[in-house]
Amino acid sequence: MRRLESQEDYLEKILQLSKEKENVHAIDISRAMNFSKPSVSIAMSKLKEAGYIDINEKDEISLTTSGLQIAEKTLEKHIILTEFLIKVGVDKITAKEDACRIEHDISDKSWEAIKKYAQSNRK
């Protein structure tokens, strides 16, 4: 079953927030993504059901091993694609927005080629 773009975005955001703060709650995700708390709560339920996150008795959200793998891969794509687009002349705002869209749809074959090219041309 293919993950939804929104699932990958949530997992990526949970990873980013977990690097900034010790405990991540749904309200943190809501604020960071500018989504309503009820929308985030529904999404967290679905991510938990899919096995991508755990939610403890204090409502602290953490990534499972599979959730972390997806989040790390999505974040890596976002960073490298953004840098790549900026390097070829796209303005930062557009590059960031486009990278967010591309990161979900790019094939593994194309992604690996872009990643290899981008990493070999970093200065």
N, C-alpha and C. Protein backbone atom coordinates (compact mmCIF):
# COMPACT_ATOMS: atom_id res chain seq x y z
N MET A 1 0.84 -1.19 0.00
CA MET A 1 0.00 0.00 0.00
C MET A 1 0.88 1.25 0.00
N ARG A 2 0.59 2.17 -0.88
CA ARG A 2 1.37 3.39 -1.00
C ARG A 2 0.99 4.38 0.08
N ARG A 3 2.02 4.92 0.72
CA ARG A 3 1.77 5.95 1.73
C ARG A 3 1.24 7.20 1.05
N LEU A 4 0.44 7.91 1.78
CA LEU A 4 -0.07 9.18 1.28
C LEU A 4 0.95 10.27 1.51
N GLU A 5 0.93 11.27 0.65
CA GLU A 5 1.82 12.42 0.79
C GLU A 5 1.68 13.04 2.17
N SER A 6 0.45 13.17 2.64
CA SER A 6 0.23 13.81 3.94
C SER A 6 0.87 13.00 5.07
N GLN A 7 0.85 11.66 4.96
CA GLN A 7 1.49 10.84 5.98
C GLN A 7 2.99 11.13 6.02
N GLU A 8 3.61 11.20 4.86
CA GLU A 8 5.04 11.49 4.80
C GLU A 8 5.34 12.87 5.36
N ASP A 9 4.48 13.85 5.05
CA ASP A 9 4.67 15.20 5.59
C ASP A 9 4.58 15.21 7.11
N TYR A 10 3.61 14.50 7.66
CA TYR A 10 3.48 14.43 9.12
C TYR A 10 4.69 13.75 9.74
N LEU A 11 5.13 12.64 9.18
CA LEU A 11 6.29 11.94 9.72
C LEU A 11 7.53 12.81 9.66
N GLU A 12 7.70 13.51 8.56
CA GLU A 12 8.84 14.43 8.41
C GLU A 12 8.78 15.52 9.48
N LYS A 13 7.59 16.07 9.71
CA LYS A 13 7.45 17.14 10.70
C LYS A 13 7.69 16.62 12.11
N ILE A 14 7.23 15.42 12.42
CA ILE A 14 7.49 14.83 13.73
C ILE A 14 8.99 14.67 13.94
N LEU A 15 9.70 14.22 12.91
CA LEU A 15 11.15 14.08 13.00
C LEU A 15 11.80 15.43 13.25
N GLN A 16 11.41 16.44 12.50
CA GLN A 16 11.99 17.78 12.68
C GLN A 16 11.72 18.30 14.09
N LEU A 17 10.50 18.16 14.56
CA LEU A 17 10.16 18.64 15.90
C LEU A 17 10.91 17.88 16.98
N SER A 18 11.10 16.58 16.77
CA SER A 18 11.80 15.77 17.77
C SER A 18 13.27 16.16 17.89
N LYS A 19 13.79 16.78 16.84
CA LYS A 19 15.17 17.28 16.90
C LYS A 19 15.25 18.61 17.64
N GLU A 20 14.12 19.31 17.72
CA GLU A 20 14.06 20.62 18.37
C GLU A 20 13.64 20.55 19.84
N LYS A 21 12.83 19.55 20.17
CA LYS A 21 12.31 19.46 21.54
C LYS A 21 12.26 18.01 21.99
N GLU A 22 12.30 17.83 23.28
CA GLU A 22 12.35 16.48 23.85
C GLU A 22 11.07 15.70 23.61
N ASN A 23 9.92 16.33 23.80
CA ASN A 23 8.64 15.64 23.66
C ASN A 23 7.77 16.35 22.63
N VAL A 24 7.20 15.58 21.72
CA VAL A 24 6.35 16.12 20.67
C VAL A 24 4.91 15.74 20.97
N HIS A 25 4.03 16.73 20.91
CA HIS A 25 2.60 16.53 21.11
C HIS A 25 1.85 16.97 19.86
N ALA A 26 0.61 16.54 19.74
CA ALA A 26 -0.21 16.90 18.58
C ALA A 26 -0.31 18.41 18.41
N ILE A 27 -0.38 19.15 19.50
CA ILE A 27 -0.48 20.62 19.41
C ILE A 27 0.78 21.22 18.77
N ASP A 28 1.94 20.61 19.02
CA ASP A 28 3.19 21.08 18.40
C ASP A 28 3.12 20.90 16.89
N ILE A 29 2.62 19.76 16.48
CA ILE A 29 2.48 19.47 15.05
C ILE A 29 1.47 20.41 14.42
N SER A 30 0.36 20.62 15.12
CA SER A 30 -0.69 21.52 14.66
C SER A 30 -0.13 22.92 14.41
N ARG A 31 0.61 23.42 15.37
CA ARG A 31 1.20 24.77 15.24
C ARG A 31 2.23 24.83 14.12
N ALA A 32 3.09 23.83 14.06
CA ALA A 32 4.17 23.83 13.07
C ALA A 32 3.66 23.73 11.64
N MET A 33 2.56 22.99 11.47
CA MET A 33 2.04 22.77 10.12
C MET A 33 0.85 23.67 9.80
N ASN A 34 0.43 24.44 10.80
CA ASN A 34 -0.72 25.34 10.65
C ASN A 34 -1.99 24.57 10.26
N PHE A 35 -2.19 23.44 10.94
CA PHE A 35 -3.38 22.62 10.76
C PHE A 35 -4.18 22.64 12.05
N SER A 36 -5.47 22.37 11.96
CA SER A 36 -6.30 22.34 13.16
C SER A 36 -5.93 21.14 14.02
N LYS A 37 -6.11 21.29 15.31
CA LYS A 37 -5.82 20.20 16.25
C LYS A 37 -6.65 18.95 15.93
N PRO A 38 -7.95 19.08 15.61
CA PRO A 38 -8.71 17.88 15.26
C PRO A 38 -8.16 17.16 14.02
N SER A 39 -7.72 17.92 13.02
CA SER A 39 -7.15 17.30 11.81
C SER A 39 -5.88 16.53 12.16
N VAL A 40 -5.05 17.11 13.00
CA VAL A 40 -3.81 16.46 13.41
C VAL A 40 -4.12 15.21 14.23
N SER A 41 -5.10 15.30 15.11
CA SER A 41 -5.46 14.14 15.94
C SER A 41 -5.93 12.97 15.08
N ILE A 42 -6.71 13.26 14.06
CA ILE A 42 -7.16 12.20 13.15
C ILE A 42 -5.96 11.59 12.42
N ALA A 43 -5.08 12.45 11.94
CA ALA A 43 -3.89 11.96 11.23
C ALA A 43 -3.01 11.12 12.14
N MET A 44 -2.87 11.54 13.40
CA MET A 44 -2.04 10.77 14.34
C MET A 44 -2.65 9.39 14.60
N SER A 45 -3.95 9.32 14.67
CA SER A 45 -4.62 8.03 14.85
C SER A 45 -4.32 7.10 13.68
N LYS A 46 -4.37 7.65 12.48
CA LYS A 46 -4.10 6.85 11.28
C LYS A 46 -2.63 6.41 11.23
N LEU A 47 -1.72 7.31 11.61
CA LEU A 47 -0.30 6.95 11.62
C LEU A 47 -0.01 5.89 12.67
N LYS A 48 -0.68 5.99 13.80
CA LYS A 48 -0.50 4.98 14.86
C LYS A 48 -1.04 3.64 14.38
N GLU A 49 -2.20 3.65 13.78
CA GLU A 49 -2.81 2.42 13.26
C GLU A 49 -1.92 1.77 12.20
N ALA A 50 -1.25 2.58 11.40
CA ALA A 50 -0.35 2.07 10.35
C ALA A 50 0.98 1.60 10.91
N GLY A 51 1.24 1.89 12.19
CA GLY A 51 2.48 1.45 12.81
C GLY A 51 3.65 2.39 12.63
N TYR A 52 3.38 3.64 12.27
CA TYR A 52 4.45 4.61 12.03
C TYR A 52 4.80 5.44 13.25
N ILE A 53 3.87 5.56 14.20
CA ILE A 53 4.14 6.33 15.42
C ILE A 53 3.61 5.58 16.63
N ASP A 54 4.13 5.95 17.79
CA ASP A 54 3.61 5.52 19.08
C ASP A 54 3.15 6.77 19.82
N ILE A 55 2.12 6.63 20.62
CA ILE A 55 1.64 7.72 21.47
C ILE A 55 1.53 7.15 22.87
N ASN A 56 2.28 7.73 23.80
CA ASN A 56 2.28 7.18 25.17
C ASN A 56 1.16 7.78 26.02
N GLU A 57 1.14 7.40 27.28
CA GLU A 57 0.07 7.84 28.19
C GLU A 57 0.07 9.35 28.43
N LYS A 58 1.17 10.02 28.14
CA LYS A 58 1.25 11.48 28.28
C LYS A 58 0.96 12.18 26.95
N ASP A 59 0.47 11.42 25.97
CA ASP A 59 0.18 11.91 24.62
C ASP A 59 1.41 12.42 23.89
N GLU A 60 2.57 11.87 24.26
CA GLU A 60 3.81 12.20 23.57
C GLU A 60 3.94 11.29 22.36
N ILE A 61 4.28 11.90 21.25
CA ILE A 61 4.34 11.19 19.98
C ILE A 61 5.79 10.88 19.63
N SER A 62 6.03 9.63 19.26
CA SER A 62 7.38 9.24 18.82
C SER A 62 7.25 8.37 17.58
N LEU A 63 8.28 8.39 16.77
CA LEU A 63 8.31 7.59 15.55
C LEU A 63 8.71 6.16 15.87
N THR A 64 8.06 5.22 15.23
CA THR A 64 8.51 3.83 15.32
C THR A 64 9.70 3.68 14.36
N THR A 65 10.30 2.52 14.35
CA THR A 65 11.43 2.29 13.44
C THR A 65 11.02 2.54 11.99
N SER A 66 9.86 2.00 11.59
CA SER A 66 9.43 2.20 10.20
C SER A 66 9.06 3.66 9.94
N GLY A 67 8.44 4.32 10.93
CA GLY A 67 8.11 5.74 10.77
C GLY A 67 9.36 6.60 10.66
N LEU A 68 10.37 6.26 11.44
CA LEU A 68 11.63 7.01 11.40
C LEU A 68 12.31 6.84 10.05
N GLN A 69 12.31 5.64 9.51
CA GLN A 69 12.93 5.41 8.19
C GLN A 69 12.25 6.25 7.12
N ILE A 70 10.94 6.29 7.13
CA ILE A 70 10.19 7.08 6.15
C ILE A 70 10.48 8.56 6.35
N ALA A 71 10.45 9.01 7.60
CA ALA A 71 10.69 10.43 7.90
C ALA A 71 12.08 10.87 7.47
N GLU A 72 13.08 10.05 7.77
CA GLU A 72 14.46 10.39 7.40
C GLU A 72 14.63 10.46 5.89
N LYS A 73 14.04 9.51 5.18
CA LYS A 73 14.14 9.50 3.73
C LYS A 73 13.42 10.72 3.13
N THR A 74 12.26 11.04 3.65
CA THR A 74 11.51 12.19 3.15
C THR A 74 12.25 13.48 3.43
N LEU A 75 12.80 13.63 4.63
CA LEU A 75 13.55 14.83 4.98
C LEU A 75 14.80 14.96 4.13
N GLU A 76 15.49 13.85 3.91
CA GLU A 76 16.69 13.87 3.06
C GLU A 76 16.33 14.33 1.65
N LYS A 77 15.25 13.79 1.11
CA LYS A 77 14.81 14.21 -0.22
C LYS A 77 14.51 15.70 -0.23
N HIS A 78 13.80 16.16 0.77
CA HIS A 78 13.42 17.57 0.84
C HIS A 78 14.66 18.48 0.84
N ILE A 79 15.62 18.14 1.66
CA ILE A 79 16.83 18.96 1.78
C ILE A 79 17.63 18.94 0.48
N ILE A 80 17.89 17.76 -0.05
CA ILE A 80 18.72 17.66 -1.25
C ILE A 80 18.02 18.26 -2.46
N LEU A 81 16.73 18.00 -2.61
CA LEU A 81 16.00 18.58 -3.75
C LEU A 81 15.94 20.10 -3.66
N THR A 82 15.74 20.62 -2.46
CA THR A 82 15.73 22.08 -2.28
C THR A 82 17.08 22.67 -2.68
N GLU A 83 18.16 22.09 -2.16
CA GLU A 83 19.51 22.58 -2.49
C GLU A 83 19.77 22.48 -3.99
N PHE A 84 19.37 21.36 -4.58
CA PHE A 84 19.58 21.14 -6.01
C PHE A 84 18.84 22.20 -6.83
N LEU A 85 17.58 22.45 -6.51
CA LEU A 85 16.79 23.43 -7.26
C LEU A 85 17.36 24.84 -7.11
N ILE A 86 17.81 25.17 -5.91
CA ILE A 86 18.44 26.49 -5.70
C ILE A 86 19.71 26.60 -6.53
N LYS A 87 20.48 25.52 -6.54
CA LYS A 87 21.75 25.52 -7.27
C LYS A 87 21.55 25.72 -8.77
N VAL A 88 20.43 25.24 -9.32
CA VAL A 88 20.18 25.41 -10.75
C VAL A 88 19.40 26.69 -11.06
N GLY A 89 19.21 27.55 -10.04
CA GLY A 89 18.67 28.87 -10.29
C GLY A 89 17.26 29.15 -9.83
N VAL A 90 16.64 28.22 -9.13
CA VAL A 90 15.28 28.45 -8.63
C VAL A 90 15.38 29.24 -7.32
N ASP A 91 14.48 30.21 -7.14
CA ASP A 91 14.51 30.99 -5.89
C ASP A 91 14.18 30.08 -4.71
N LYS A 92 14.61 30.48 -3.50
CA LYS A 92 14.51 29.62 -2.32
C LYS A 92 13.08 29.22 -1.98
N ILE A 93 12.15 30.14 -2.05
CA ILE A 93 10.76 29.82 -1.69
C ILE A 93 10.17 28.80 -2.65
N THR A 94 10.34 29.04 -3.94
CA THR A 94 9.83 28.10 -4.95
C THR A 94 10.53 26.75 -4.84
N ALA A 95 11.83 26.77 -4.61
CA ALA A 95 12.60 25.53 -4.50
C ALA A 95 12.08 24.68 -3.34
N LYS A 96 11.83 25.32 -2.21
CA LYS A 96 11.34 24.60 -1.04
C LYS A 96 9.95 24.01 -1.30
N GLU A 97 9.08 24.80 -1.91
CA GLU A 97 7.71 24.34 -2.21
C GLU A 97 7.74 23.20 -3.23
N ASP A 98 8.53 23.36 -4.27
CA ASP A 98 8.60 22.32 -5.30
C ASP A 98 9.24 21.04 -4.75
N ALA A 99 10.27 21.19 -3.94
CA ALA A 99 10.92 20.01 -3.35
C ALA A 99 9.92 19.21 -2.52
N CYS A 100 9.04 19.91 -1.82
CA CYS A 100 8.03 19.25 -1.00
C CYS A 100 7.08 18.42 -1.86
N ARG A 101 6.77 18.92 -3.04
CA ARG A 101 5.88 18.17 -3.94
C ARG A 101 6.63 17.01 -4.61
N ILE A 102 7.83 17.28 -5.07
CA ILE A 102 8.61 16.28 -5.81
C ILE A 102 8.99 15.11 -4.90
N GLU A 103 9.32 15.39 -3.65
CA GLU A 103 9.82 14.35 -2.74
C GLU A 103 8.86 13.17 -2.59
N HIS A 104 7.59 13.39 -2.83
CA HIS A 104 6.59 12.34 -2.65
C HIS A 104 6.37 11.51 -3.90
N ASP A 105 6.66 12.06 -5.05
CA ASP A 105 6.30 11.40 -6.31
C ASP A 105 7.47 10.87 -7.12
N ILE A 106 8.66 11.27 -6.78
CA ILE A 106 9.82 10.87 -7.58
C ILE A 106 10.09 9.36 -7.43
N SER A 107 10.44 8.73 -8.52
CA SER A 107 10.76 7.30 -8.47
C SER A 107 12.09 7.09 -7.74
N ASP A 108 12.27 5.90 -7.20
CA ASP A 108 13.53 5.59 -6.51
C ASP A 108 14.72 5.72 -7.46
N LYS A 109 14.53 5.31 -8.71
CA LYS A 109 15.62 5.36 -9.69
C LYS A 109 16.03 6.82 -9.96
N SER A 110 15.06 7.68 -10.20
CA SER A 110 15.37 9.10 -10.44
C SER A 110 15.94 9.75 -9.19
N TRP A 111 15.37 9.40 -8.04
CA TRP A 111 15.85 9.98 -6.78
C TRP A 111 17.32 9.64 -6.56
N GLU A 112 17.68 8.37 -6.73
CA GLU A 112 19.06 7.96 -6.51
C GLU A 112 20.01 8.68 -7.47
N ALA A 113 19.59 8.88 -8.72
CA ALA A 113 20.42 9.59 -9.69
C ALA A 113 20.61 11.06 -9.29
N ILE A 114 19.53 11.71 -8.89
CA ILE A 114 19.62 13.12 -8.46
C ILE A 114 20.46 13.23 -7.20
N LYS A 115 20.24 12.34 -6.26
CA LYS A 115 21.01 12.35 -5.00
C LYS A 115 22.50 12.19 -5.28
N LYS A 116 22.84 11.22 -6.12
CA LYS A 116 24.24 10.98 -6.47
C LYS A 116 24.85 12.22 -7.15
N TYR A 117 24.11 12.79 -8.10
CA TYR A 117 24.59 13.98 -8.82
C TYR A 117 24.75 15.16 -7.86
N ALA A 118 23.76 15.39 -7.03
CA ALA A 118 23.79 16.52 -6.10
C ALA A 118 24.94 16.39 -5.11
N GLN A 119 25.14 15.19 -4.59
CA GLN A 119 26.21 14.98 -3.62
C GLN A 119 27.58 15.09 -4.25
N SER A 120 27.73 14.70 -5.49
CA SER A 120 29.03 14.79 -6.14
C SER A 120 29.34 16.21 -6.58
N ASN A 121 28.33 17.07 -6.62
CA ASN A 121 28.53 18.45 -7.06
C ASN A 121 28.38 19.48 -5.93
N ARG A 122 28.40 19.01 -4.69
CA ARG A 122 28.34 19.94 -3.54
C ARG A 122 29.69 20.60 -3.39
N LYS A 123 29.62 21.87 -2.99
CA LYS A 123 30.88 22.61 -2.77
C LYS A 123 30.85 23.28 -1.45
